[in-house]
Amino acid sequence: MLRPHGSFELEVQDRILICYVHDSWNFEGIRIYTSEVKAVVSSWSSGPWCRIIDMYDFNLTIPEAESHLNEFIRWCDAADCVGHLYVSKSLLHKKHLEDVVPPEDGPLIFESLDDALVDARRRLMVRGS
């Protein structure tokens, strides 16, 4: 097994999971991140939730991980995630997200965490959480 590259912190605000991602990631780092997100979400009672990914300190990941991330997004959607909201001002991040996020979902990118939180709360209110 490879040593994981990349790090993250998870913060929960009601039914909003904020994921702060840092550095460059390899497949093992992504596997650990997705496993921990799944563990947090699985511990909640059923119902809608939203995921915010703060990418201000993120340096991208390996291209081979894109299919794993795509499957992870599908898992989140099946677990009643009402949105995957990304926080970044980087054009490189935007291009990366366009490559990774399924085209039918389209990446929702915000320039501030506060703006993403407003949108997440709105989405949850619409779904009745």
Protein backbone atom coordinates (compact mmCIF):
# COMPACT_ATOMS: atom_id res chain seq x y z
CA MET A 1 0.00 0.00 0.00
CA LEU A 2 1.25 3.46 -0.86
CA ARG A 3 1.66 6.18 1.72
CA PRO A 4 -1.32 8.54 1.40
CA HIS A 5 -0.67 11.99 -0.04
CA GLY A 6 -3.02 14.86 0.65
CA SER A 7 -4.81 15.76 3.82
CA PHE A 8 -8.25 16.94 4.88
CA GLU A 9 -10.43 18.00 7.78
CA LEU A 10 -14.15 17.39 8.03
CA GLU A 11 -16.51 19.80 9.80
CA VAL A 12 -20.22 19.21 10.33
CA GLN A 13 -22.71 22.08 10.53
CA ASP A 14 -26.18 20.58 10.92
CA ARG A 15 -26.60 18.47 7.73
CA ILE A 16 -23.76 20.22 5.90
CA LEU A 17 -20.43 18.44 5.66
CA ILE A 18 -17.56 20.86 5.01
CA CYS A 19 -14.45 19.17 3.64
CA TYR A 20 -11.23 21.16 3.75
CA VAL A 21 -8.80 19.50 1.32
CA HIS A 22 -5.07 20.25 1.24
CA ASP A 23 -2.01 19.54 -0.91
CA SER A 24 -1.62 17.04 -3.78
CA TRP A 25 -3.48 13.74 -3.55
CA ASN A 26 -2.68 10.21 -4.62
CA PHE A 27 -5.15 7.33 -4.88
CA GLU A 28 -4.58 6.18 -1.28
CA GLY A 29 -5.27 9.68 0.07
CA ILE A 30 -8.50 9.81 -1.95
CA ARG A 31 -9.53 6.37 -0.70
CA ILE A 32 -9.07 7.43 2.94
CA TYR A 33 -10.97 10.70 2.36
CA THR A 34 -13.94 9.02 0.66
CA SER A 35 -14.08 6.31 3.35
CA GLU A 36 -14.17 8.88 6.13
CA VAL A 37 -16.86 10.97 4.40
CA LYS A 38 -18.95 7.82 3.93
CA ALA A 39 -18.51 6.95 7.63
CA VAL A 40 -19.72 10.40 8.74
CA VAL A 41 -22.72 10.39 6.41
CA SER A 42 -23.62 6.79 7.28
CA SER A 43 -23.74 7.74 10.98
CA TRP A 44 -26.54 10.25 10.32
CA SER A 45 -30.20 9.35 10.22
CA SER A 46 -31.56 9.30 6.70
CA GLY A 47 -32.40 12.58 5.07
CA PRO A 48 -30.91 15.21 2.80
CA TRP A 49 -27.45 16.62 3.39
CA CYS A 50 -25.01 18.78 1.46
CA ARG A 51 -21.24 18.58 0.87
CA ILE A 52 -19.00 21.63 0.59
CA ILE A 53 -15.42 21.13 -0.55
CA ASP A 54 -13.07 24.00 0.31
CA MET A 55 -10.25 23.74 -2.24
CA TYR A 56 -8.25 26.87 -1.40
CA ASP A 57 -5.25 24.78 -0.26
CA PHE A 58 -5.70 21.93 -2.78
CA ASN A 59 -3.10 21.09 -5.44
CA LEU A 60 -5.06 18.53 -7.52
CA THR A 61 -4.92 14.75 -7.77
CA ILE A 62 -3.78 12.03 -10.15
CA PRO A 63 -5.88 11.55 -13.31
CA GLU A 64 -6.32 7.83 -12.54
CA ALA A 65 -8.42 8.79 -9.50
CA GLU A 66 -11.13 10.49 -11.53
CA SER A 67 -13.23 7.33 -11.93
CA HIS A 68 -13.06 6.70 -8.16
CA LEU A 69 -14.15 10.28 -7.45
CA ASN A 70 -16.96 9.97 -9.98
CA GLU A 71 -18.19 6.79 -8.23
CA PHE A 72 -17.93 8.59 -4.89
CA ILE A 73 -20.11 11.45 -6.17
CA ARG A 74 -22.68 8.86 -7.30
CA TRP A 75 -22.57 7.26 -3.82
CA CYS A 76 -23.18 10.68 -2.24
CA ASP A 77 -26.12 11.30 -4.57
CA ALA A 78 -27.62 7.91 -3.69
CA ALA A 79 -27.17 8.81 0.01
CA ASP A 80 -29.45 11.88 -0.53
CA CYS A 81 -26.75 14.53 -1.02
CA VAL A 82 -28.51 17.62 -2.38
CA GLY A 83 -25.36 19.30 -3.65
CA HIS A 84 -21.62 19.14 -4.10
CA LEU A 85 -20.47 22.73 -3.68
CA TYR A 86 -16.86 23.70 -4.32
CA VAL A 87 -15.05 26.75 -2.92
CA SER A 88 -12.16 28.08 -5.00
CA LYS A 89 -11.07 30.98 -7.16
CA SER A 90 -8.56 28.93 -9.16
CA LEU A 91 -9.08 28.41 -12.90
CA LEU A 92 -7.02 25.23 -12.59
CA HIS A 93 -9.46 23.89 -9.98
CA LYS A 94 -12.38 24.79 -12.24
CA LYS A 95 -10.84 22.82 -15.13
CA HIS A 96 -10.12 19.88 -12.81
CA LEU A 97 -13.72 19.85 -11.58
CA GLU A 98 -15.08 19.97 -15.12
CA ASP A 99 -13.00 16.84 -15.83
CA VAL A 100 -14.05 14.97 -12.65
CA VAL A 101 -17.65 15.98 -11.92
CA PRO A 102 -20.20 14.21 -14.13
CA PRO A 103 -21.42 16.60 -16.87
CA GLU A 104 -25.07 16.26 -15.87
CA ASP A 105 -24.21 17.58 -12.38
CA GLY A 106 -21.82 20.32 -13.43
CA PRO A 107 -19.51 21.70 -10.75
CA LEU A 108 -21.03 24.42 -8.56
CA ILE A 109 -18.10 26.68 -7.67
CA PHE A 110 -18.25 29.52 -5.15
CA GLU A 111 -15.56 32.07 -4.33
CA SER A 112 -16.26 32.03 -0.59
CA LEU A 113 -17.25 29.49 2.01
CA ASP A 114 -19.99 31.84 3.23
CA ASP A 115 -21.60 31.90 -0.23
CA ALA A 116 -21.44 28.08 -0.42
CA LEU A 117 -23.03 27.79 3.04
CA VAL A 118 -25.91 30.06 2.00
CA ASP A 119 -26.53 27.89 -1.05
CA ALA A 120 -26.27 24.65 0.97
CA ARG A 121 -28.80 25.91 3.54
CA ARG A 122 -31.15 26.95 0.74
CA ARG A 123 -30.91 23.51 -0.87
CA LEU A 124 -31.63 21.80 2.45
CA MET A 125 -34.58 24.09 3.15
CA VAL A 126 -36.06 23.31 -0.26
CA ARG A 127 -35.74 19.58 0.52
CA GLY A 128 -37.28 20.04 3.96
CA SER A 129 -34.32 19.16 6.16
